[in-house]
Protein backbone atom coordinates (compact mmCIF):
# COMPACT_ATOMS: atom_id res chain seq x y z
CA MET A 1 0.00 0.00 0.00
CA PRO A 2 1.61 3.30 -1.08
CA ASP A 3 2.32 5.97 1.51
CA ILE A 4 0.16 8.92 0.44
CA SER A 5 1.05 11.20 3.34
CA LYS A 6 3.36 13.41 1.26
CA ILE A 7 1.06 14.02 -1.71
CA SER A 8 -1.11 17.16 -1.94
CA ILE A 9 -4.86 17.17 -2.60
CA LEU A 10 -7.32 19.89 -3.52
CA TYR A 11 -10.86 18.95 -2.44
CA VAL A 12 -13.63 20.99 -4.14
CA GLU A 13 -17.13 20.84 -2.59
CA ASP A 14 -19.78 23.55 -2.19
CA GLU A 15 -21.56 21.97 0.84
CA PRO A 16 -19.64 23.18 3.97
CA GLU A 17 -20.56 20.25 6.25
CA LEU A 18 -19.64 17.61 3.70
CA ARG A 19 -16.46 19.50 2.81
CA ASP A 20 -15.40 19.55 6.48
CA HIS A 21 -16.26 15.88 7.00
CA VAL A 22 -14.33 14.59 3.96
CA THR A 23 -11.41 16.95 4.59
CA PHE A 24 -11.09 15.62 8.15
CA ALA A 25 -11.02 12.02 6.84
CA LEU A 26 -8.40 12.86 4.17
CA ARG A 27 -6.15 14.65 6.66
CA LEU A 28 -5.90 11.48 8.74
CA TYR A 29 -3.76 10.06 5.90
CA ILE A 30 -2.54 13.07 3.91
CA ASP A 31 -0.60 16.03 5.33
CA ASN A 32 -1.49 18.60 2.67
CA VAL A 33 -5.22 18.91 1.94
CA VAL A 34 -6.54 22.25 0.59
CA THR A 35 -10.23 22.99 -0.01
CA ALA A 36 -12.29 25.15 -2.36
CA ALA A 37 -16.03 25.85 -2.56
CA ASN A 38 -16.34 25.89 -6.37
CA GLY A 39 -14.46 25.45 -9.61
CA GLU A 40 -13.41 29.09 -9.99
CA GLU A 41 -11.91 29.18 -6.51
CA ALA A 42 -10.20 25.86 -7.25
CA LEU A 43 -8.54 27.23 -10.40
CA ASP A 44 -7.12 30.17 -8.44
CA LEU A 45 -5.63 27.78 -5.86
CA ILE A 46 -4.22 25.47 -8.56
CA ALA A 47 -2.53 28.41 -10.28
CA LEU A 48 -0.78 29.31 -7.02
CA ASN A 49 0.44 25.81 -6.16
CA GLN A 50 -0.45 22.84 -8.31
CA PRO A 51 -1.76 19.94 -6.20
CA ASP A 52 -0.94 16.34 -7.02
CA ILE A 53 -4.61 15.28 -7.18
CA VAL A 54 -7.95 17.10 -7.46
CA VAL A 55 -11.12 15.63 -5.91
CA ALA A 56 -14.25 17.57 -6.93
CA ASP A 57 -18.01 17.43 -6.75
CA ILE A 58 -19.74 17.56 -10.14
CA ARG A 59 -22.71 19.79 -9.27
CA MET A 60 -21.47 23.18 -7.95
CA PRO A 61 -22.31 26.87 -8.49
CA LEU A 62 -20.20 29.23 -10.66
CA MET A 63 -18.21 26.38 -12.23
CA ASP A 64 -19.20 22.75 -11.86
CA GLY A 65 -16.89 19.73 -11.67
CA LEU A 66 -17.16 18.88 -15.37
CA ALA A 67 -16.23 22.42 -16.45
CA LEU A 68 -13.37 22.39 -13.91
CA THR A 69 -12.12 19.05 -15.28
CA ASP A 70 -12.33 20.32 -18.85
CA THR A 71 -10.20 23.36 -17.92
CA LEU A 72 -7.69 21.21 -16.04
CA ARG A 73 -7.28 18.88 -19.00
CA ARG A 74 -6.28 21.84 -21.14
CA LYS A 75 -4.12 23.76 -18.63
CA TYR A 76 -2.80 21.02 -16.32
CA PRO A 77 -3.16 17.71 -18.16
CA GLY A 78 -0.93 15.84 -15.69
CA ILE A 79 -3.19 16.33 -12.64
CA PRO A 80 -5.47 13.32 -11.93
CA VAL A 81 -9.12 14.25 -11.25
CA ILE A 82 -11.56 12.24 -9.11
CA LEU A 83 -15.22 13.29 -9.46
CA CYS A 84 -17.98 12.83 -6.85
CA THR A 85 -21.73 13.16 -7.40
CA ALA A 86 -25.09 11.94 -6.16
CA PHE A 87 -26.49 11.99 -9.67
CA THR A 88 -26.51 8.81 -11.74
CA ASP A 89 -27.46 10.49 -15.00
CA THR A 90 -25.76 8.67 -17.87
CA GLU A 91 -24.94 11.99 -19.53
CA TYR A 92 -22.77 13.03 -16.56
CA LEU A 93 -20.98 9.69 -16.54
CA LEU A 94 -20.29 9.75 -20.27
CA LYS A 95 -18.95 13.30 -20.09
CA ALA A 96 -16.71 12.35 -17.17
CA ILE A 97 -15.34 9.38 -19.11
CA GLU A 98 -14.83 11.57 -22.17
CA LEU A 99 -12.78 14.03 -20.09
CA GLY A 100 -10.55 11.22 -18.85
CA VAL A 101 -11.25 11.40 -15.12
CA THR A 102 -9.20 9.04 -12.99
CA ALA A 103 -12.12 7.78 -10.88
CA TYR A 104 -15.83 8.37 -10.19
CA ILE A 105 -17.09 8.23 -6.56
CA PRO A 106 -20.89 8.19 -5.90
CA LYS A 107 -22.50 10.17 -3.09
CA PRO A 108 -22.95 9.76 -0.19
CA ILE A 109 -19.18 9.50 -0.15
CA ASP A 110 -17.67 6.37 1.31
CA THR A 111 -14.31 7.67 2.62
CA GLY A 112 -12.74 4.21 2.37
CA ARG A 113 -13.65 4.03 -1.30
CA LEU A 114 -12.40 7.57 -1.83
CA LEU A 115 -9.05 6.78 -0.19
CA THR A 116 -8.69 3.70 -2.40
CA ALA A 117 -9.22 5.88 -5.48
CA VAL A 118 -6.73 8.45 -4.15
CA ARG A 119 -4.09 5.76 -3.57
CA GLN A 120 -4.54 4.44 -7.11
CA ALA A 121 -4.21 7.95 -8.53
CA ALA A 122 -1.20 8.67 -6.31
CA LEU A 123 0.76 5.50 -7.17
CA PRO A 124 2.30 6.78 -10.46
CA ILE A 125 3.12 10.09 -8.77
CA ILE A 126 4.89 8.34 -5.87
CA GLN A 127 6.76 6.03 -8.25
CA LYS A 128 7.92 8.98 -10.36
CA ARG A 129 9.21 10.77 -7.26
CA GLU A 130 11.05 7.67 -6.10
CA ILE A 131 12.72 7.33 -9.51
CA GLN A 132 13.72 11.00 -9.31
CA ARG A 133 15.12 10.47 -5.79
CA LEU A 134 17.20 7.52 -6.98
CA LYS A 135 18.49 9.55 -9.91
CA LEU A 136 19.59 12.38 -7.63
CA GLU A 137 21.19 9.87 -5.27
CA ALA A 138 23.14 8.35 -8.17
CA ILE A 139 24.37 11.79 -9.23
CA HIS A 140 25.47 12.67 -5.70
CA SER A 141 27.20 9.31 -5.25
CA HIS A 142 29.40 10.07 -8.29
CA GLY A 143 30.68 13.25 -6.67
CA ILE A 144 29.06 15.59 -9.19
CA ILE A 145 27.13 17.46 -6.51
CA THR A 146 28.57 18.11 -3.08
CA GLY A 147 26.91 21.24 -1.72
CA ASP A 148 24.25 23.92 -2.04
CA ASN A 149 25.70 25.86 -4.96
CA PRO A 150 22.66 27.19 -6.94
CA ALA A 151 24.26 26.48 -10.33
CA MET A 152 24.98 22.88 -9.30
CA LYS A 153 21.45 22.41 -7.95
CA THR A 154 20.16 23.47 -11.35
CA LEU A 155 22.63 21.15 -13.06
CA VAL A 156 21.60 18.09 -11.05
CA GLY A 157 17.97 18.62 -12.00
CA GLN A 158 18.96 18.99 -15.65
CA ILE A 159 21.01 15.78 -15.60
CA ALA A 160 18.13 13.83 -14.03
CA GLN A 161 15.68 15.25 -16.58
CA LEU A 162 17.89 14.62 -19.60
CA ALA A 163 19.14 11.15 -18.66
CA GLU A 164 16.20 9.15 -20.03
CA SER A 165 15.71 11.34 -23.07
CA ASP A 166 17.35 10.97 -26.46
CA TYR A 167 18.49 14.59 -26.47
CA SER A 168 21.93 15.33 -27.86
CA VAL A 169 23.83 17.22 -25.17
CA VAL A 170 26.77 19.62 -25.12
CA VAL A 171 28.62 19.61 -21.77
CA ARG A 172 30.71 22.76 -21.41
CA GLY A 173 33.31 23.57 -18.80
CA GLU A 174 36.98 24.19 -18.14
CA ALA A 175 39.46 21.33 -17.95
CA GLY A 176 39.00 19.28 -14.79
CA THR A 177 35.42 20.35 -14.00
CA GLY A 178 34.00 16.84 -14.45
CA LYS A 179 32.56 16.91 -17.97
CA SER A 180 33.30 13.22 -18.57
CA ARG A 181 31.61 12.24 -15.30
CA VAL A 182 28.45 14.09 -16.30
CA ALA A 183 28.46 12.44 -19.73
CA GLU A 184 28.95 8.97 -18.22
CA LEU A 185 26.07 9.59 -15.83
CA LEU A 186 23.80 10.59 -18.71
CA HIS A 187 24.57 7.20 -20.26
CA ARG A 188 24.35 5.08 -17.09
CA MET A 189 20.99 6.58 -16.13
CA SER A 190 19.52 6.23 -19.63
CA ASP A 191 17.66 3.44 -21.40
CA ARG A 192 20.88 2.92 -23.41
CA LYS A 193 22.91 1.86 -20.37
CA ALA A 194 23.02 -1.80 -21.45
CA ARG A 195 24.67 -0.79 -24.74
CA HIS A 196 28.18 0.54 -25.42
CA LEU A 197 29.55 3.87 -24.28
CA PHE A 198 32.45 4.97 -26.47
CA THR A 199 34.60 8.10 -26.30
CA ILE A 200 36.32 9.74 -29.25
CA ASP A 201 39.08 12.11 -28.11
CA CYS A 202 39.55 14.52 -30.98
CA ARG A 203 42.78 15.91 -29.47
CA SER A 204 45.04 12.92 -29.89
CA ARG A 205 44.28 11.67 -33.41
CA SER A 206 44.69 12.96 -36.92
CA ALA A 207 41.59 13.62 -39.02
CA GLU A 208 42.25 10.47 -41.04
CA GLN A 209 42.58 8.35 -37.89
CA LEU A 210 39.37 9.78 -36.45
CA GLU A 211 37.44 9.14 -39.64
CA GLY A 212 38.68 5.56 -39.88
CA GLU A 213 38.05 4.86 -36.21
CA LEU A 214 34.50 6.15 -36.42
CA PHE A 215 33.23 5.14 -39.85
CA GLY A 216 35.51 2.25 -40.74
CA ARG A 217 36.95 1.43 -44.15
CA MET A 218 35.48 -0.95 -46.64
CA GLN A 219 37.70 -3.12 -48.81
CA GLY A 220 37.19 -5.83 -51.39
CA ARG A 221 33.49 -6.40 -52.06
CA GLY A 222 32.26 -3.66 -49.79
CA ARG A 223 32.80 -5.54 -46.52
CA PRO A 224 35.34 -4.86 -43.80
CA SER A 225 38.34 -7.12 -44.20
CA THR A 226 38.78 -7.35 -40.42
CA SER A 227 36.78 -6.31 -37.38
CA ARG A 228 39.32 -3.55 -36.85
CA ASP A 229 38.32 -1.97 -40.14
CA SER A 230 34.62 -1.95 -39.33
CA GLY A 231 34.72 1.24 -37.27
CA MET A 232 33.35 2.18 -33.89
CA LEU A 233 29.88 2.97 -35.25
CA SER A 234 29.35 -0.68 -36.16
CA GLU A 235 29.57 -1.59 -32.45
CA ILE A 236 27.82 1.37 -30.83
CA ASP A 237 24.33 0.92 -32.31
CA GLY A 238 21.87 1.67 -29.51
CA GLY A 239 24.57 3.19 -27.28
CA THR A 240 26.14 6.57 -26.57
CA LEU A 241 29.07 8.33 -28.23
CA LEU A 242 31.06 10.91 -26.27
CA LEU A 243 32.73 13.36 -28.62
CA ASP A 244 35.53 15.05 -26.66
CA ALA A 245 36.73 18.41 -28.06
CA PRO A 246 34.60 18.35 -31.26
CA GLU A 247 35.93 21.82 -32.16
CA LEU A 248 39.12 20.11 -33.35
CA LEU A 249 37.32 18.06 -36.02
CA PRO A 250 37.87 19.16 -39.63
CA LEU A 251 34.77 20.51 -41.34
CA HIS A 252 34.31 17.57 -43.72
CA LEU A 253 34.22 15.17 -40.75
CA GLN A 254 31.78 17.45 -38.93
CA GLU A 255 29.48 17.14 -41.93
CA ARG A 256 29.68 13.34 -41.84
CA ILE A 257 28.75 13.35 -38.16
CA LEU A 258 25.83 15.70 -38.84
CA ASP A 259 24.63 13.36 -41.58
CA LEU A 260 24.85 10.44 -39.14
CA LEU A 261 22.74 12.25 -36.54
CA GLU A 262 20.15 13.41 -39.05
CA LYS A 263 19.69 10.15 -40.96
CA ARG A 264 20.66 7.60 -38.26
CA THR A 265 22.75 5.89 -40.89
CA TYR A 266 26.34 6.22 -42.10
CA ILE A 267 28.34 5.14 -45.12
CA PRO A 268 31.72 3.54 -44.32
CA THR A 269 34.64 5.03 -46.18
CA GLY A 270 35.02 3.25 -49.50
CA SER A 271 31.42 1.97 -49.53
CA ILE A 272 28.16 3.13 -51.09
CA GLU A 273 25.77 1.22 -48.82
CA PRO A 274 24.31 3.05 -45.80
CA VAL A 275 24.52 1.23 -42.47
CA PRO A 276 21.82 1.85 -39.79
CA CYS A 277 23.14 3.31 -36.55
CA ASP A 278 21.00 4.58 -33.69
CA LEU A 279 23.06 6.44 -31.09
CA ARG A 280 22.96 9.31 -28.68
CA MET A 281 25.76 11.86 -28.90
CA VAL A 282 27.20 13.87 -26.03
CA ALA A 283 29.82 16.51 -26.87
CA LEU A 284 32.38 17.63 -24.27
CA THR A 285 34.12 20.95 -24.80
CA SER A 286 36.08 23.70 -23.12
CA ALA A 287 35.80 25.90 -26.21
CA ASP A 288 33.27 28.57 -27.13
CA LEU A 289 31.55 26.73 -29.98
CA ASP A 290 29.54 29.81 -30.97
CA LYS A 291 32.84 31.63 -31.49
CA GLU A 292 34.18 28.65 -33.46
CA VAL A 293 31.11 28.88 -35.72
CA ALA A 294 31.54 32.64 -36.15
CA GLU A 295 35.17 32.14 -37.20
CA GLY A 296 34.27 29.42 -39.69
CA ARG A 297 35.88 26.50 -37.87
CA PHE A 298 32.72 24.74 -36.76
CA SER A 299 29.56 23.79 -38.62
CA PRO A 300 26.56 25.84 -37.44
CA ASN A 301 24.24 22.99 -38.42
CA LEU A 302 26.19 20.47 -36.36
CA LEU A 303 26.21 22.81 -33.37
CA MET A 304 22.45 23.21 -33.67
CA ARG A 305 21.99 19.42 -33.88
CA LEU A 306 24.28 18.73 -30.92
CA SER A 307 22.70 21.42 -28.74
CA ASP A 308 19.31 19.94 -27.91
CA ALA A 309 20.50 20.78 -24.40
CA VAL A 310 23.62 22.51 -23.07
CA LEU A 311 24.96 21.79 -19.58
CA ASN A 312 27.40 24.31 -18.10
CA LEU A 313 29.82 23.13 -15.41
CA PRO A 314 31.09 26.01 -13.25
CA PRO A 315 34.80 26.05 -12.37
CA LEU A 316 35.93 25.19 -8.86
CA ARG A 317 36.74 28.84 -8.08
CA GLU A 318 32.98 29.55 -8.37
CA ARG A 319 32.17 26.71 -5.96
CA ARG A 320 34.47 27.62 -3.06
CA GLU A 321 31.79 26.86 -0.46
CA GLU A 322 31.86 23.24 -1.62
CA ILE A 323 35.63 22.78 -1.28
CA PRO A 324 35.52 21.41 2.32
CA ALA A 325 33.12 18.63 1.32
CA ILE A 326 35.05 17.96 -1.89
CA CYS A 327 38.31 17.74 0.09
CA ARG A 328 36.85 15.19 2.50
CA ARG A 329 35.71 13.03 -0.41
CA PHE A 330 39.09 13.16 -2.17
CA LEU A 331 41.01 12.57 1.07
CA ALA A 332 38.92 9.46 1.80
CA GLN A 333 39.57 8.13 -1.71
CA ALA A 334 43.32 8.80 -1.46
CA ALA A 335 43.57 7.18 1.99
CA ASP A 336 41.68 4.15 0.70
CA ASP A 337 44.11 3.84 -2.23
CA LEU A 338 47.09 3.98 0.16
CA GLY A 339 45.46 1.68 2.71
CA CYS A 340 45.92 4.21 5.51
CA VAL A 341 43.71 6.08 7.97
CA CYS A 342 42.12 9.15 6.40
CA PRO A 343 43.76 12.28 7.89
CA GLU A 344 41.78 15.21 9.24
CA ILE A 345 42.19 18.60 7.64
CA SER A 346 42.46 21.72 9.78
CA PRO A 347 40.15 24.73 9.34
CA GLU A 348 43.19 26.88 8.50
CA ALA A 349 44.23 24.46 5.77
CA LEU A 350 40.71 24.49 4.31
CA THR A 351 40.74 28.30 4.31
CA LEU A 352 43.98 28.27 2.30
CA LEU A 353 42.58 25.72 -0.15
CA GLN A 354 39.40 27.77 -0.61
CA ALA A 355 41.51 30.82 -1.47
CA GLU A 356 43.35 29.04 -4.31
CA PRO A 357 42.31 29.72 -7.95
CA TRP A 358 42.64 26.03 -8.97
CA PRO A 359 43.02 26.54 -12.74
CA GLY A 360 43.02 22.76 -13.14
CA ASN A 361 39.78 22.53 -11.11
CA PHE A 362 38.83 19.19 -9.52
CA ARG A 363 41.63 17.29 -11.22
CA GLU A 364 44.24 19.64 -9.78
CA LEU A 365 42.71 19.67 -6.29
CA LYS A 366 42.48 15.88 -6.27
CA GLN A 367 46.15 15.48 -7.24
CA PHE A 368 47.20 17.97 -4.60
CA LEU A 369 45.26 16.13 -1.87
CA ARG A 370 46.70 12.78 -2.95
CA ARG A 371 50.20 14.21 -2.42
CA ALA A 372 49.11 15.72 0.89
CA VAL A 373 47.80 12.37 2.18
CA PHE A 374 51.09 10.70 1.27
CA HIS A 375 53.20 13.29 3.14
CA ALA A 376 50.90 14.28 6.00
CA GLY A 377 50.40 12.74 9.43
CA ASP A 378 47.09 12.50 11.25
CA VAL A 379 46.15 16.08 10.40
CA ILE A 380 46.75 18.13 7.25
CA ALA A 381 47.70 21.54 8.61
CA ALA A 382 48.12 24.92 6.95
CA ASP A 383 51.89 24.38 6.68
CA ASP A 384 51.27 21.14 4.78
CA VAL A 385 49.17 23.07 2.28
CA ARG A 386 51.83 25.76 1.89
CA SER A 387 54.70 23.30 1.47
CA ASN A 388 52.89 20.99 -0.95
CA ASN A 389 51.45 23.83 -2.97
CA ALA A 390 54.54 26.03 -3.16
CA GLY A 391 55.46 27.17 -6.65
CA VAL A 392 52.21 26.04 -8.25
CA ASN A 393 49.21 28.11 -7.18
CA ASN A 394 50.31 29.72 -3.92
CA VAL A 395 51.84 32.74 -5.62
CA GLU A 396 50.91 36.37 -5.91
CA ALA A 397 49.77 37.85 -9.21
CA LYS A 398 53.02 39.82 -9.57
CA ASP A 399 55.00 36.55 -9.47
CA LEU A 400 53.14 35.35 -12.57
CA LEU A 401 54.49 38.21 -14.68
CA PRO A 402 57.56 37.63 -16.87
CA PRO A 403 60.79 38.78 -15.22
CA GLN A 404 61.56 41.34 -17.92
CA LEU A 405 60.31 42.76 -21.17
CA LEU A 406 60.60 39.92 -23.67
CA LYS A 407 60.31 39.44 -27.40
CA LEU A 408 56.99 38.00 -28.53
CA THR A 409 58.48 34.55 -29.17
CA ASP A 410 60.22 34.57 -25.78
CA LEU A 411 56.97 35.59 -24.12
CA GLU A 412 55.17 32.71 -25.82
CA GLU A 413 57.79 30.25 -24.61
CA TRP A 414 57.53 31.67 -21.08
CA ALA A 415 53.74 31.27 -21.13
CA ILE A 416 54.00 27.67 -22.32
CA ARG A 417 56.55 26.77 -19.65
CA ASN A 418 54.36 28.43 -17.02
CA ALA A 419 51.32 26.47 -18.17
CA MET A 420 53.27 23.20 -18.07
CA GLN A 421 54.46 24.00 -14.55
CA THR A 422 50.95 24.89 -13.37
CA THR A 423 49.48 21.66 -14.74
CA GLU A 424 52.47 19.57 -13.63
CA GLY A 425 53.34 18.57 -17.18
CA LYS A 426 49.82 17.64 -18.31
CA LYS A 427 49.88 18.80 -21.91
CA MET A 428 46.15 18.70 -22.65
CA GLN A 429 45.36 20.75 -19.57
CA ALA A 430 48.14 23.23 -20.39
CA ALA A 431 46.77 23.66 -23.92
CA GLU A 432 43.29 24.37 -22.52
CA LEU A 433 44.69 26.87 -20.01
CA LEU A 434 46.33 28.75 -22.90
CA GLY A 435 43.21 28.54 -25.06
CA ILE A 436 44.80 26.73 -28.01
CA SER A 437 44.22 23.34 -29.59
CA TYR A 438 46.21 20.34 -28.40
CA ASN A 439 47.80 19.84 -31.83
CA ALA A 440 48.92 23.49 -31.96
CA PHE A 441 50.28 23.18 -28.43
CA LYS A 442 52.32 20.09 -29.36
CA ASP A 443 53.82 21.98 -32.32
CA LYS A 444 54.88 24.80 -30.00
CA LEU A 445 56.40 22.36 -27.49
CA LYS A 446 58.47 20.89 -30.31
CA ARG A 447 59.47 24.35 -31.56
CA TYR A 448 60.77 25.44 -28.15
CA GLY A 449 62.25 22.07 -27.21
CA ILE A 450 59.95 21.59 -24.23
CA SER A 451 59.21 18.03 -23.24
């Protein structure tokens, strides 16, 4: 038997004594019961705060139950309606059925029968809320949400809403903000979770490699000579494709991906026969794709097709109030990896960590805390933060300036070395910090002899 105590009911009845009697009976089981004397009053109350279920008499002044139900079906189609009446006229019953009422209760009202009808109407509502609760719990358990940041509260609702849809999604955010985690959650919480989840990293492959890896290459009589030649799309049917850094794709490959999304088929390179492929695509990017479109480097049609929904992940510096909770999570994980007791962290140390800019976001904070757990004792103190963080983020703005007036090429080399130092040699992160593509960054590393 479902627990109906947390649902809300609007009971509409013009007879005061009957209204009081039924309301008393409903409130024995349901915490939130609101009453109205007629349909017009009921509509005003519904507009203020939509109830889960409406129970209404049919015969009332000003606006009767049938007119109220008709209005609700147009304005609030998701609200179940239970009608009550002493009249057994077939015309009333047929009209009620035509309007799609959830149940019909004859007068005099048997409260037991009414409660049974309410429980039946409430069951889908309760089940939907439980599914939503489990979704939110799953998101929290993956460390996506750790506090009361308004932007993150909005994000968690968006993830839960989008998960079961087939919307294409763009996840935007700086390096280390957790874009991949969000994308994986969208897959794991979707109806596609039993199928493959593949990631294409557009940073680390040439255009030819990407095209072959995705679409495959046909040889001989139009069939792949080996499974390796068949392409990722031949295995992902029904699953999800994560496209990481799509702004690096050449335009001709962008057009092939757009064609795939529009037609749900693709033609392997070297073939003329289309192959069916149903997939959901999630794009992960740190770039401004609108700017990429404006500068002619990204297809406006592909951006439109990818952007059924856009999720924005705020950087860690905009979530400073969450840093204590995030630190405790990362410290527990690091201690578990080392097989040691999780150290405490002092308030002074947390204050220092909250003051840091963290350009590498969660990834950088996690790596710092892993080092701190390795070196610290029972408590991570402020001195531990200063010593472990020296020379990376714990510097003043003036220390980030070049030591002297430099030539443009020297200044570029200085900026690249600084980015590599800040990200502890992580090239992809350094490229994102400097706002250039990974391939361009690798060329510059080679030019300046930086390894």
